Amino acid sequence: MLVAAGLVAWRNVRLGRGDKKAAWRVAAVVFAVGAASWALTASHVPTLYELYVLLNGLSWVVFQAAFVGLLYLAVEPYVRKHWPDALISWLRLVGGRFRDPLVTSHVLVGVTAGLALALVAPAIAWATGRFTGGTAAVVGLNGTRFFLGLLLGDLNTSAWFSTGLVLVMVLLRGVVRRTWVADVLFVAILTLPALSNPTSIPGALLSYVAVVWIIRRFGLLAIVSMGCARGLVQSMPLAGAGWYAPLAIATPVLVAALAAWSLYVIVTSRPGASSRPVSSAQF
């Protein structure tokens, strides 16, 4: 993916097709979120070792930001020409338009889909009777700052992988020339790793079909919101008792608050506010 993004982005820039200003903006947001996540979750010590921790953390954050910026340069010209609706809400959010009804509606769709897909694995385990150990990231239980760092890390990872998935769809569409064939190949290729465990095939198949439908119907912001909500729910245990109950309960409360805020903005927005023409600067 890195090699393909580099080649496609290099070609786009040479032909004058890439929006470098928007790519820098997206990369800057990813860098800021990643740096905040690192600062919250790293173990800081008042010694010279902190310099190593700083360089190690920033090197990964810079790589993430550069990779996402490169992915954006690779996919943006194609998406802007053939599939412009996929980027509008994402760029409005990056531009600071948090109360835009189109932005909040796509966030609400993504959060709802993420919660639904988070229930797929437990449902399959219940149906098959094959329960395995949880994958909860206990780093989020160490305190409030670790919980916030985990949330920001999920957001960054979701943006990274979501942009990469769009690149895969764009490359497949460029090879086969048919959108529906590219979508079928996309689902088939990404489901292949699940063949090693037959019980995970239905969940993987359903997840990637949902990914295709959400990307095609709502765009990049919805799929990023879906990945973030799903990752957050799956990475924190849910418990109503115990010393970690407040942080465990904070996860569903936070997701519910985000969904309620999105619904509030949509309901109270003026008719037609989300369908106003988008200028070239906003896009």
Protein backbone atom coordinates (compact mmCIF):
# COMPACT_ATOMS: atom_id res chain seq x y z
CA MET A 1 0.00 0.00 0.00
CA LEU A 2 2.87 2.36 0.80
CA VAL A 3 4.57 1.70 -2.55
CA ALA A 4 1.31 2.02 -4.49
CA ALA A 5 0.37 5.25 -2.71
CA GLY A 6 3.82 6.70 -3.38
CA LEU A 7 3.72 5.89 -7.10
CA VAL A 8 0.17 7.14 -7.63
CA ALA A 9 0.74 10.29 -5.56
CA TRP A 10 3.99 11.05 -7.44
CA ARG A 11 2.16 10.71 -10.76
CA ASN A 12 -0.70 12.93 -9.59
CA VAL A 13 1.65 15.68 -8.41
CA ARG A 14 3.64 15.56 -11.64
CA LEU A 15 0.42 16.00 -13.64
CA GLY A 16 -0.75 18.82 -11.37
CA ARG A 17 -3.74 16.87 -10.10
CA GLY A 18 -3.00 16.54 -6.40
CA ASP A 19 -4.36 19.02 -3.84
CA LYS A 20 -1.18 19.45 -1.82
CA LYS A 21 -2.67 22.07 0.49
CA ALA A 22 -5.48 19.76 1.58
CA ALA A 23 -3.04 16.87 1.93
CA TRP A 24 -0.87 18.96 4.26
CA ARG A 25 -3.96 19.89 6.29
CA VAL A 26 -5.04 16.27 6.66
CA ALA A 27 -1.50 15.21 7.56
CA ALA A 28 -1.27 18.00 10.15
CA VAL A 29 -4.49 16.85 11.84
CA VAL A 30 -3.27 13.25 11.92
CA PHE A 31 0.07 14.41 13.35
CA ALA A 32 -1.58 16.55 16.05
CA VAL A 33 -3.94 13.74 17.11
CA GLY A 34 -1.13 11.17 17.09
CA ALA A 35 1.23 13.42 19.07
CA ALA A 36 -1.49 14.04 21.67
CA SER A 37 -2.16 10.29 21.92
CA TRP A 38 1.54 9.58 22.42
CA ALA A 39 1.91 12.32 25.05
CA LEU A 40 -1.01 10.89 27.03
CA THR A 41 -0.08 7.20 26.88
CA ALA A 42 3.73 7.23 27.05
CA SER A 43 5.49 6.67 30.36
CA HIS A 44 7.42 9.89 30.93
CA VAL A 45 10.49 10.00 33.16
CA PRO A 46 12.59 13.06 34.11
CA THR A 47 15.84 11.64 32.71
CA LEU A 48 17.68 11.67 29.40
CA TYR A 49 15.73 8.53 28.49
CA GLU A 50 12.77 10.85 27.87
CA LEU A 51 14.60 12.07 24.76
CA TYR A 52 14.61 8.53 23.37
CA VAL A 53 10.91 8.16 24.22
CA LEU A 54 10.20 11.47 22.49
CA LEU A 55 12.09 10.58 19.32
CA ASN A 56 10.58 7.09 19.21
CA GLY A 57 7.05 8.42 19.61
CA LEU A 58 7.43 11.31 17.17
CA SER A 59 9.00 9.09 14.51
CA TRP A 60 5.90 6.88 14.47
CA VAL A 61 3.56 9.89 14.51
CA VAL A 62 5.39 11.56 11.62
CA PHE A 63 5.27 8.29 9.66
CA GLN A 64 1.53 8.01 10.23
CA ALA A 65 0.89 11.61 9.20
CA ALA A 66 3.08 11.33 6.10
CA PHE A 67 1.45 8.05 5.10
CA VAL A 68 -2.07 9.46 5.41
CA GLY A 69 -1.04 12.59 3.50
CA LEU A 70 0.46 10.41 0.79
CA LEU A 71 -2.69 8.29 0.64
CA TYR A 72 -4.77 11.44 0.31
CA LEU A 73 -2.62 12.71 -2.58
CA ALA A 74 -3.07 9.34 -4.25
CA VAL A 75 -6.86 9.05 -3.99
CA GLU A 76 -8.07 12.68 -3.98
CA PRO A 77 -7.89 13.42 -7.74
CA TYR A 78 -9.80 10.26 -8.65
CA VAL A 79 -12.36 10.70 -5.89
CA ARG A 80 -12.86 14.39 -6.71
CA LYS A 81 -13.51 13.54 -10.37
CA HIS A 82 -15.60 10.36 -10.14
CA TRP A 83 -16.81 10.24 -6.53
CA PRO A 84 -16.82 13.77 -5.03
CA ASP A 85 -19.40 13.13 -2.30
CA ALA A 86 -16.96 10.80 -0.52
CA LEU A 87 -14.70 13.66 0.63
CA ILE A 88 -17.01 16.62 1.26
CA SER A 89 -17.96 15.87 4.88
CA TRP A 90 -14.38 14.81 5.75
CA LEU A 91 -12.90 18.09 4.50
CA ARG A 92 -15.60 20.11 6.21
CA LEU A 93 -14.69 18.46 9.50
CA VAL A 94 -10.95 19.00 8.98
CA GLY A 95 -11.78 22.62 8.16
CA GLY A 96 -13.42 23.07 11.58
CA ARG A 97 -17.10 22.91 10.59
CA PHE A 98 -18.14 20.74 13.53
CA ARG A 99 -21.79 21.83 13.46
CA ASP A 100 -22.32 21.09 9.79
CA PRO A 101 -25.37 18.76 9.50
CA LEU A 102 -23.74 16.75 6.72
CA VAL A 103 -20.70 16.14 8.93
CA THR A 104 -22.76 15.10 11.94
CA SER A 105 -25.06 12.88 9.87
CA HIS A 106 -22.09 10.95 8.50
CA VAL A 107 -20.60 10.68 12.00
CA LEU A 108 -23.93 9.32 13.28
CA VAL A 109 -24.07 6.73 10.48
CA GLY A 110 -20.50 5.66 11.18
CA VAL A 111 -21.00 5.35 14.94
CA THR A 112 -24.18 3.32 14.46
CA ALA A 113 -22.48 0.97 11.98
CA GLY A 114 -19.45 0.62 14.25
CA LEU A 115 -21.58 -0.40 17.21
CA ALA A 116 -23.51 -2.89 15.07
CA LEU A 117 -20.32 -4.48 13.69
CA ALA A 118 -18.80 -4.63 17.19
CA LEU A 119 -21.61 -7.05 18.08
CA VAL A 120 -20.83 -9.40 15.17
CA ALA A 121 -17.95 -11.27 16.84
CA PRO A 122 -19.81 -11.85 20.16
CA ALA A 123 -22.90 -12.96 18.22
CA ILE A 124 -20.86 -15.48 16.20
CA ALA A 125 -19.17 -16.73 19.37
CA TRP A 126 -22.56 -17.18 21.03
CA ALA A 127 -23.99 -18.98 17.98
CA THR A 128 -21.02 -21.34 17.58
CA GLY A 129 -20.18 -21.78 21.25
CA ARG A 130 -16.53 -20.88 20.60
CA PHE A 131 -15.59 -18.21 23.09
CA THR A 132 -12.05 -16.87 23.12
CA GLY A 133 -10.16 -14.47 25.31
CA GLY A 134 -11.01 -10.80 24.96
CA THR A 135 -8.80 -8.32 23.15
CA ALA A 136 -9.39 -5.42 25.53
CA ALA A 137 -6.48 -2.98 25.70
CA VAL A 138 -5.87 -2.62 29.42
CA VAL A 139 -3.82 0.54 28.83
CA GLY A 140 -7.12 2.42 28.78
CA LEU A 141 -7.82 1.32 32.36
CA ASN A 142 -4.70 2.99 33.79
CA GLY A 143 -6.42 6.34 34.20
CA THR A 144 -8.21 9.16 32.45
CA ARG A 145 -5.21 10.32 30.44
CA PHE A 146 -4.58 6.80 29.16
CA PHE A 147 -8.25 6.47 28.22
CA LEU A 148 -8.11 9.73 26.25
CA GLY A 149 -4.86 8.63 24.63
CA LEU A 150 -6.47 5.34 23.59
CA LEU A 151 -9.41 7.26 22.10
CA LEU A 152 -7.12 9.52 20.06
CA GLY A 153 -5.05 6.51 18.99
CA ASP A 154 -8.18 4.73 17.75
CA LEU A 155 -9.13 7.85 15.79
CA ASN A 156 -5.70 8.04 14.15
CA THR A 157 -5.59 4.34 13.30
CA SER A 158 -9.09 4.48 11.87
CA ALA A 159 -8.20 7.45 9.63
CA TRP A 160 -5.08 5.64 8.45
CA PHE A 161 -6.75 2.35 7.57
CA SER A 162 -9.87 3.99 6.14
CA THR A 163 -7.83 6.08 3.70
CA GLY A 164 -5.88 2.96 2.78
CA LEU A 165 -9.10 1.07 2.08
CA VAL A 166 -10.23 3.85 -0.24
CA LEU A 167 -6.89 3.58 -2.07
CA VAL A 168 -7.40 -0.17 -2.55
CA MET A 169 -10.87 0.47 -3.97
CA VAL A 170 -9.51 3.15 -6.32
CA LEU A 171 -6.70 0.88 -7.56
CA LEU A 172 -9.08 -2.04 -8.14
CA ARG A 173 -11.49 0.26 -9.97
CA GLY A 174 -8.64 1.44 -12.19
CA VAL A 175 -7.69 -2.15 -13.06
CA VAL A 176 -11.10 -3.74 -13.76
CA ARG A 177 -12.91 -0.58 -15.00
CA ARG A 178 -16.19 -1.67 -13.41
CA THR A 179 -17.23 -0.36 -10.00
CA TRP A 180 -19.27 -3.40 -8.96
CA VAL A 181 -16.50 -5.81 -10.03
CA ALA A 182 -13.96 -3.76 -8.06
CA ASP A 183 -16.20 -3.88 -4.99
CA VAL A 184 -16.61 -7.66 -5.24
CA LEU A 185 -12.83 -8.10 -5.58
CA PHE A 186 -12.30 -5.75 -2.64
CA VAL A 187 -14.50 -7.83 -0.36
CA ALA A 188 -13.02 -11.11 -1.62
CA ILE A 189 -9.39 -10.04 -1.18
CA LEU A 190 -9.85 -8.63 2.32
CA THR A 191 -11.84 -11.68 3.42
CA LEU A 192 -9.09 -14.10 2.36
CA PRO A 193 -7.21 -13.99 5.72
CA ALA A 194 -10.37 -15.21 7.44
CA LEU A 195 -10.19 -18.53 5.55
CA SER A 196 -7.78 -19.84 8.19
CA ASN A 197 -10.64 -19.73 10.70
CA PRO A 198 -13.96 -20.70 9.06
CA THR A 199 -16.04 -19.34 11.94
CA SER A 200 -14.69 -15.83 11.30
CA ILE A 201 -15.63 -15.81 7.60
CA PRO A 202 -19.25 -14.57 8.08
CA GLY A 203 -18.11 -11.73 10.32
CA ALA A 204 -15.32 -10.66 7.96
CA LEU A 205 -17.61 -10.88 4.95
CA LEU A 206 -20.31 -8.83 6.64
CA SER A 207 -17.79 -6.25 7.85
CA TYR A 208 -16.24 -5.61 4.44
CA VAL A 209 -19.61 -5.54 2.67
CA ALA A 210 -20.64 -2.90 5.20
CA VAL A 211 -17.38 -1.02 4.56
CA VAL A 212 -18.05 -0.94 0.81
CA TRP A 213 -21.65 0.18 1.24
CA ILE A 214 -20.81 2.92 3.75
CA ILE A 215 -17.90 4.26 1.69
CA ARG A 216 -19.96 4.31 -1.49
CA ARG A 217 -23.03 5.79 0.17
CA PHE A 218 -21.60 8.21 2.75
CA GLY A 219 -17.86 8.60 2.18
CA LEU A 220 -14.61 8.71 4.11
CA LEU A 221 -15.81 10.43 7.29
CA ALA A 222 -18.49 7.79 7.92
CA ILE A 223 -16.02 4.93 7.57
CA VAL A 224 -13.50 6.67 9.87
CA SER A 225 -16.25 7.17 12.47
CA MET A 226 -17.27 3.53 12.11
CA GLY A 227 -13.72 2.28 12.66
CA CYS A 228 -13.17 4.56 15.64
CA ALA A 229 -16.42 3.58 17.38
CA ARG A 230 -15.89 -0.11 16.71
CA GLY A 231 -12.26 -0.01 17.87
CA LEU A 232 -13.09 1.90 21.04
CA VAL A 233 -15.89 -0.48 22.04
CA GLN A 234 -13.81 -3.57 21.31
CA SER A 235 -10.70 -2.27 23.08
CA MET A 236 -12.36 -1.55 26.44
CA PRO A 237 -14.09 -4.09 28.69
CA LEU A 238 -17.65 -3.34 29.74
CA ALA A 239 -18.31 -3.69 33.44
CA GLY A 240 -20.59 -2.03 35.96
CA ALA A 241 -18.60 -2.99 39.05
CA GLY A 242 -14.95 -3.07 40.04
CA TRP A 243 -12.21 -0.49 40.33
CA TYR A 244 -12.22 0.13 36.56
CA ALA A 245 -16.01 0.51 36.26
CA PRO A 246 -15.96 4.33 35.75
CA LEU A 247 -13.59 4.06 32.77
CA ALA A 248 -15.43 1.02 31.39
CA ILE A 249 -18.76 2.84 31.58
CA ALA A 250 -17.20 5.95 30.03
CA THR A 251 -16.87 4.16 26.69
CA PRO A 252 -20.59 3.63 25.95
CA VAL A 253 -21.39 7.01 27.52
CA LEU A 254 -18.92 8.75 25.22
CA VAL A 255 -20.24 6.97 22.14
CA ALA A 256 -23.84 7.74 23.13
CA ALA A 257 -22.97 11.41 23.75
CA LEU A 258 -21.36 11.69 20.31
CA ALA A 259 -24.40 10.11 18.68
CA ALA A 260 -26.78 12.36 20.65
CA TRP A 261 -24.79 15.48 19.69
CA SER A 262 -24.83 14.47 16.02
CA LEU A 263 -28.58 13.86 16.13
CA TYR A 264 -29.14 17.19 17.89
CA VAL A 265 -27.22 19.12 15.22
CA ILE A 266 -29.12 17.34 12.45
CA VAL A 267 -32.55 17.97 13.99
CA THR A 268 -31.88 21.64 14.82
CA SER A 269 -30.18 22.53 11.51
CA ARG A 270 -31.92 24.70 8.96
CA PRO A 271 -33.49 22.90 5.97
CA GLY A 272 -31.01 22.65 3.11
CA ALA A 273 -28.01 23.58 5.26
CA SER A 274 -26.23 20.31 4.46
CA SER A 275 -26.82 20.57 0.74
CA ARG A 276 -25.35 24.00 0.11
CA PRO A 277 -22.95 24.22 -2.84
CA VAL A 278 -19.38 23.47 -1.84
CA SER A 279 -16.77 25.93 -3.03
CA SER A 280 -13.40 24.81 -4.30
CA ALA A 281 -11.76 26.10 -1.11
CA GLN A 282 -14.11 24.04 1.07
CA PHE A 283 -13.61 20.95 -1.07
